[in-house]
């Protein structure tokens, strides 16, 4: 997201510079019918980047590890206009359903005891999810994003047996960061 905002600012600055030099005349540009839409999308992108910023780590609210309704069932994590940090320290993890709206979730699974065939369903709307996984977990991502995305930077140790974690992502103006 930061790269997108940087690119928008660079293009805007370059356009203004070439107009000031006199190479092009952009006076009528602001009267084009598509300009308000581009500006609206740019404002939304900047807002999303601010919500998903890594600068507010001290504002995360630590939460206890959620317990599933039934043993072996996925846990449910809901966040609305807030942030939540959940850290597993040896507890069993059999999957999760994360719904984040206008906020953020930081789920640290590096100490979790993974069960086979683990799936995390993540739905974001104007929100961000940070997912920390151990090095012995192979992450597979599927899903769709609209004005958002998934940044997968997790790695596995070669030559070892890996557990598998399936991420099903559905992002609208939101993002997911997956790392070790």
C-alpha atoms as a PDB file:
ATOM      1  CA  UNK A   1       0.000   0.000   0.000  1.00  0.00           C
ATOM      2  CA  UNK A   2       2.850   2.357   0.835  1.00  0.00           C
ATOM      3  CA  UNK A   3       4.334   1.725  -2.602  1.00  0.00           C
ATOM      4  CA  UNK A   4       0.998   2.571  -4.252  1.00  0.00           C
ATOM      5  CA  UNK A   5       0.731   5.836  -2.348  1.00  0.00           C
ATOM      6  CA  UNK A   6       4.343   6.658  -3.191  1.00  0.00           C
ATOM      7  CA  UNK A   7       3.687   5.939  -6.862  1.00  0.00           C
ATOM      8  CA  UNK A   8       0.590   8.182  -6.854  1.00  0.00           C
ATOM      9  CA  UNK A   9       2.574  11.026  -5.291  1.00  0.00           C
ATOM     10  CA  UNK A  10       5.478  10.604  -7.745  1.00  0.00           C
ATOM     11  CA  UNK A  11       3.132  10.678 -10.754  1.00  0.00           C
ATOM     12  CA  UNK A  12       1.279  13.715  -9.401  1.00  0.00           C
ATOM     13  CA  UNK A  13       4.547  15.547  -8.756  1.00  0.00           C
ATOM     14  CA  UNK A  14       5.923  14.659 -12.193  1.00  0.00           C
ATOM     15  CA  UNK A  15       2.738  15.884 -13.896  1.00  0.00           C
ATOM     16  CA  UNK A  16       2.921  19.195 -12.038  1.00  0.00           C
ATOM     17  CA  UNK A  17       6.621  19.556 -12.883  1.00  0.00           C
ATOM     18  CA  UNK A  18       6.117  19.030 -16.634  1.00  0.00           C
ATOM     19  CA  UNK A  19       3.257  21.539 -16.548  1.00  0.00           C
ATOM     20  CA  UNK A  20       5.444  24.120 -14.784  1.00  0.00           C
ATOM     21  CA  UNK A  21       8.245  23.584 -17.317  1.00  0.00           C
ATOM     22  CA  UNK A  22       5.703  24.181 -20.068  1.00  0.00           C
ATOM     23  CA  UNK A  23       5.918  20.858 -21.872  1.00  0.00           C
ATOM     24  CA  UNK A  24       2.191  20.142 -21.444  1.00  0.00           C
ATOM     25  CA  UNK A  25      -0.889  22.137 -20.535  1.00  0.00           C
ATOM     26  CA  UNK A  26      -2.896  20.360 -17.853  1.00  0.00           C
ATOM     27  CA  UNK A  27      -5.329  23.209 -17.146  1.00  0.00           C
ATOM     28  CA  UNK A  28      -8.281  21.227 -18.483  1.00  0.00           C
ATOM     29  CA  UNK A  29      -7.267  18.073 -16.630  1.00  0.00           C
ATOM     30  CA  UNK A  30      -9.252  19.026 -13.508  1.00  0.00           C
ATOM     31  CA  UNK A  31     -12.410  19.407 -15.604  1.00  0.00           C
ATOM     32  CA  UNK A  32     -12.352  15.826 -16.874  1.00  0.00           C
ATOM     33  CA  UNK A  33     -15.261  13.621 -15.657  1.00  0.00           C
ATOM     34  CA  UNK A  34     -12.968  10.845 -14.323  1.00  0.00           C
ATOM     35  CA  UNK A  35     -10.824  13.066 -12.046  1.00  0.00           C
ATOM     36  CA  UNK A  36     -13.194  12.988  -9.003  1.00  0.00           C
ATOM     37  CA  UNK A  37     -13.221   9.173  -9.114  1.00  0.00           C
ATOM     38  CA  UNK A  38      -9.428   8.974  -9.172  1.00  0.00           C
ATOM     39  CA  UNK A  39      -9.216  11.422  -6.272  1.00  0.00           C
ATOM     40  CA  UNK A  40     -11.797   9.435  -4.274  1.00  0.00           C
ATOM     41  CA  UNK A  41      -9.857   6.191  -4.790  1.00  0.00           C
ATOM     42  CA  UNK A  42      -6.606   7.940  -3.802  1.00  0.00           C
ATOM     43  CA  UNK A  43      -8.164   9.186  -0.542  1.00  0.00           C
ATOM     44  CA  UNK A  44      -9.448   5.672   0.232  1.00  0.00           C
ATOM     45  CA  UNK A  45      -6.007   4.192  -0.486  1.00  0.00           C
ATOM     46  CA  UNK A  46      -4.335   6.685   1.850  1.00  0.00           C
ATOM     47  CA  UNK A  47      -6.883   5.934   4.573  1.00  0.00           C
ATOM     48  CA  UNK A  48      -6.307   2.194   4.180  1.00  0.00           C
ATOM     49  CA  UNK A  49      -2.562   2.676   4.437  1.00  0.00           C
ATOM     50  CA  UNK A  50      -2.991   4.648   7.649  1.00  0.00           C
ATOM     51  CA  UNK A  51      -5.201   1.955   9.170  1.00  0.00           C
ATOM     52  CA  UNK A  52      -2.776  -0.797   8.163  1.00  0.00           C
ATOM     53  CA  UNK A  53       0.278   1.135   9.359  1.00  0.00           C
ATOM     54  CA  UNK A  54       2.982  -0.621  11.387  1.00  0.00           C
ATOM     55  CA  UNK A  55       3.632   2.580  13.349  1.00  0.00           C
ATOM     56  CA  UNK A  56       0.844   1.950  15.888  1.00  0.00           C
ATOM     57  CA  UNK A  57       2.150  -1.271  17.479  1.00  0.00           C
ATOM     58  CA  UNK A  58       1.734   0.165  20.990  1.00  0.00           C
ATOM     59  CA  UNK A  59      -2.008   0.560  20.356  1.00  0.00           C
ATOM     60  CA  UNK A  60      -2.655  -3.172  19.943  1.00  0.00           C
ATOM     61  CA  UNK A  61      -4.987  -4.567  22.590  1.00  0.00           C
ATOM     62  CA  UNK A  62      -3.756  -7.917  23.904  1.00  0.00           C
ATOM     63  CA  UNK A  63      -6.525 -10.487  24.007  1.00  0.00           C
ATOM     64  CA  UNK A  64      -6.635 -13.952  25.531  1.00  0.00           C
ATOM     65  CA  UNK A  65      -6.406 -16.899  23.203  1.00  0.00           C
ATOM     66  CA  UNK A  66      -9.992 -17.526  22.033  1.00  0.00           C
ATOM     67  CA  UNK A  67     -11.477 -20.893  22.875  1.00  0.00           C
ATOM     68  CA  UNK A  68     -13.480 -22.761  20.224  1.00  0.00           C
ATOM     69  CA  UNK A  69     -17.108 -23.556  20.943  1.00  0.00           C
ATOM     70  CA  UNK A  70     -16.230 -27.222  20.493  1.00  0.00           C
ATOM     71  CA  UNK A  71     -12.847 -28.957  20.709  1.00  0.00           C
ATOM     72  CA  UNK A  72     -11.225 -29.242  17.294  1.00  0.00           C
ATOM     73  CA  UNK A  73     -13.388 -26.483  15.785  1.00  0.00           C
ATOM     74  CA  UNK A  74     -12.034 -23.168  14.487  1.00  0.00           C
ATOM     75  CA  UNK A  75     -12.080 -20.118  16.738  1.00  0.00           C
ATOM     76  CA  UNK A  76     -13.943 -16.954  15.773  1.00  0.00           C
ATOM     77  CA  UNK A  77     -12.236 -13.553  15.972  1.00  0.00           C
ATOM     78  CA  UNK A  78     -14.321 -10.415  15.363  1.00  0.00           C
ATOM     79  CA  UNK A  79     -12.907  -6.872  15.325  1.00  0.00           C
ATOM     80  CA  UNK A  80     -14.880  -3.688  14.677  1.00  0.00           C
ATOM     81  CA  UNK A  81     -13.270  -0.242  14.914  1.00  0.00           C
ATOM     82  CA  UNK A  82     -10.499  -1.581  17.151  1.00  0.00           C
ATOM     83  CA  UNK A  83      -7.401  -3.740  17.165  1.00  0.00           C
ATOM     84  CA  UNK A  84      -6.618  -7.039  18.811  1.00  0.00           C
ATOM     85  CA  UNK A  85      -3.433  -9.043  19.342  1.00  0.00           C
ATOM     86  CA  UNK A  86      -3.669 -12.767  20.070  1.00  0.00           C
ATOM     87  CA  UNK A  87      -0.567 -14.804  20.908  1.00  0.00           C
ATOM     88  CA  UNK A  88      -0.628 -18.608  21.066  1.00  0.00           C
ATOM     89  CA  UNK A  89       1.843 -20.136  23.539  1.00  0.00           C
ATOM     90  CA  UNK A  90       1.451 -23.891  23.168  1.00  0.00           C
ATOM     91  CA  UNK A  91      -2.346 -23.957  22.885  1.00  0.00           C
ATOM     92  CA  UNK A  92      -3.853 -26.209  20.191  1.00  0.00           C
ATOM     93  CA  UNK A  93      -4.854 -24.433  17.005  1.00  0.00           C
ATOM     94  CA  UNK A  94      -7.349 -26.030  14.630  1.00  0.00           C
ATOM     95  CA  UNK A  95      -8.203 -23.002  12.505  1.00  0.00           C
ATOM     96  CA  UNK A  96      -9.925 -19.651  12.728  1.00  0.00           C
ATOM     97  CA  UNK A  97     -12.458 -17.347  11.173  1.00  0.00           C
ATOM     98  CA  UNK A  98     -11.298 -13.730  11.300  1.00  0.00           C
ATOM     99  CA  UNK A  99     -13.652 -10.868  10.455  1.00  0.00           C
ATOM    100  CA  UNK A 100     -12.070  -7.431  10.703  1.00  0.00           C
ATOM    101  CA  UNK A 101     -13.885  -4.195   9.900  1.00  0.00           C
ATOM    102  CA  UNK A 102     -12.193  -0.813  10.278  1.00  0.00           C
ATOM    103  CA  UNK A 103      -9.470  -2.189  12.534  1.00  0.00           C
ATOM    104  CA  UNK A 104      -6.765  -4.771  12.780  1.00  0.00           C
ATOM    105  CA  UNK A 105      -5.884  -8.226  14.062  1.00  0.00           C
ATOM    106  CA  UNK A 106      -2.433  -9.504  14.887  1.00  0.00           C
ATOM    107  CA  UNK A 107      -2.475 -13.285  15.257  1.00  0.00           C
ATOM    108  CA  UNK A 108       0.819 -14.812  16.447  1.00  0.00           C
ATOM    109  CA  UNK A 109       0.765 -18.562  15.774  1.00  0.00           C
ATOM    110  CA  UNK A 110       4.500 -19.178  16.217  1.00  0.00           C
ATOM    111  CA  UNK A 111       3.862 -21.015  19.490  1.00  0.00           C
ATOM    112  CA  UNK A 112       0.635 -22.772  18.471  1.00  0.00           C
ATOM    113  CA  UNK A 113       0.224 -26.552  18.343  1.00  0.00           C
ATOM    114  CA  UNK A 114      -1.193 -26.959  14.818  1.00  0.00           C
ATOM    115  CA  UNK A 115      -3.725 -29.655  14.111  1.00  0.00           C
ATOM    116  CA  UNK A 116      -3.853 -31.326  10.660  1.00  0.00           C
ATOM    117  CA  UNK A 117      -5.637 -29.600   7.797  1.00  0.00           C
ATOM    118  CA  UNK A 118      -5.767 -26.189   9.417  1.00  0.00           C
ATOM    119  CA  UNK A 119      -7.663 -23.405   7.628  1.00  0.00           C
ATOM    120  CA  UNK A 120      -8.012 -19.719   8.439  1.00  0.00           C
ATOM    121  CA  UNK A 121     -10.781 -17.765   6.746  1.00  0.00           C
ATOM    122  CA  UNK A 122     -10.004 -14.035   6.746  1.00  0.00           C
ATOM    123  CA  UNK A 123     -12.490 -11.339   5.737  1.00  0.00           C
ATOM    124  CA  UNK A 124     -11.326  -7.725   5.865  1.00  0.00           C
ATOM    125  CA  UNK A 125     -13.170  -4.511   5.103  1.00  0.00           C
ATOM    126  CA  UNK A 126     -11.061  -1.377   5.541  1.00  0.00           C
ATOM    127  CA  UNK A 127      -8.864  -3.414   7.914  1.00  0.00           C
ATOM    128  CA  UNK A 128      -5.582  -5.272   8.178  1.00  0.00           C
ATOM    129  CA  UNK A 129      -4.488  -8.653   9.528  1.00  0.00           C
ATOM    130  CA  UNK A 130      -0.921  -9.559  10.537  1.00  0.00           C
ATOM    131  CA  UNK A 131      -0.379 -13.308  10.699  1.00  0.00           C
ATOM    132  CA  UNK A 132       2.842 -14.682  12.219  1.00  0.00           C
ATOM    133  CA  UNK A 133       3.519 -18.364  11.483  1.00  0.00           C
ATOM    134  CA  UNK A 134       6.335 -20.720  12.529  1.00  0.00           C
ATOM    135  CA  UNK A 135       9.040 -21.830  10.080  1.00  0.00           C
ATOM    136  CA  UNK A 136       7.687 -25.404   9.950  1.00  0.00           C
ATOM    137  CA  UNK A 137       4.315 -24.348   8.510  1.00  0.00           C
ATOM    138  CA  UNK A 138       3.718 -24.223   4.751  1.00  0.00           C
ATOM    139  CA  UNK A 139       1.178 -21.504   3.951  1.00  0.00           C
ATOM    140  CA  UNK A 140      -1.113 -21.747   0.923  1.00  0.00           C
ATOM    141  CA  UNK A 141      -3.223 -18.696   0.074  1.00  0.00           C
ATOM    142  CA  UNK A 142      -6.369 -18.495  -2.020  1.00  0.00           C
ATOM    143  CA  UNK A 143      -9.137 -15.963  -2.304  1.00  0.00           C
ATOM    144  CA  UNK A 144      -9.831 -12.582  -3.790  1.00  0.00           C
ATOM    145  CA  UNK A 145      -9.069  -8.958  -3.064  1.00  0.00           C
ATOM    146  CA  UNK A 146     -10.660  -5.711  -4.184  1.00  0.00           C
ATOM    147  CA  UNK A 147      -8.442  -2.690  -3.487  1.00  0.00           C
ATOM    148  CA  UNK A 148      -6.387  -4.815  -1.114  1.00  0.00           C
ATOM    149  CA  UNK A 149      -4.212  -7.862  -1.100  1.00  0.00           C
ATOM    150  CA  UNK A 150      -2.148 -10.533   0.611  1.00  0.00           C
ATOM    151  CA  UNK A 151       1.567 -10.083   1.251  1.00  0.00           C
ATOM    152  CA  UNK A 152       3.037 -13.536   1.933  1.00  0.00           C
ATOM    153  CA  UNK A 153       6.621 -13.410   3.156  1.00  0.00           C
ATOM    154  CA  UNK A 154       6.697 -16.560   5.246  1.00  0.00           C
ATOM    155  CA  UNK A 155       9.356 -19.151   4.540  1.00  0.00           C
ATOM    156  CA  UNK A 156       9.872 -22.780   5.532  1.00  0.00           C
ATOM    157  CA  UNK A 157      13.005 -24.670   6.481  1.00  0.00           C
ATOM    158  CA  UNK A 158      14.046 -26.940   3.589  1.00  0.00           C
ATOM    159  CA  UNK A 159      14.304 -30.668   4.234  1.00  0.00           C
ATOM    160  CA  UNK A 160      11.892 -30.717   7.171  1.00  0.00           C
ATOM    161  CA  UNK A 161       8.384 -32.071   7.509  1.00  0.00           C
ATOM    162  CA  UNK A 162       5.933 -29.171   7.159  1.00  0.00           C
ATOM    163  CA  UNK A 163       2.492 -28.638   8.580  1.00  0.00           C
ATOM    164  CA  UNK A 164       0.036 -27.067   6.149  1.00  0.00           C
ATOM    165  CA  UNK A 165      -1.997 -23.927   6.764  1.00  0.00           C
ATOM    166  CA  UNK A 166      -4.594 -22.865   4.212  1.00  0.00           C
ATOM    167  CA  UNK A 167      -5.595 -19.199   4.111  1.00  0.00           C
ATOM    168  CA  UNK A 168      -8.868 -18.258   2.415  1.00  0.00           C
ATOM    169  CA  UNK A 169      -8.782 -14.481   1.996  1.00  0.00           C
ATOM    170  CA  UNK A 170     -11.565 -12.079   1.077  1.00  0.00           C
ATOM    171  CA  UNK A 171     -10.293  -8.488   1.184  1.00  0.00           C
ATOM    172  CA  UNK A 172     -12.146  -5.336   0.300  1.00  0.00           C
ATOM    173  CA  UNK A 173     -10.034  -2.260   0.974  1.00  0.00           C
ATOM    174  CA  UNK A 174      -7.946  -4.364   3.352  1.00  0.00           C
ATOM    175  CA  UNK A 175      -4.831  -6.431   3.511  1.00  0.00           C
ATOM    176  CA  UNK A 176      -3.162  -9.457   5.061  1.00  0.00           C
ATOM    177  CA  UNK A 177       0.541  -9.728   5.958  1.00  0.00           C
ATOM    178  CA  UNK A 178       1.874 -13.243   6.471  1.00  0.00           C
ATOM    179  CA  UNK A 179       5.399 -13.613   7.855  1.00  0.00           C
ATOM    180  CA  UNK A 180       7.571 -15.640  10.262  1.00  0.00           C
END
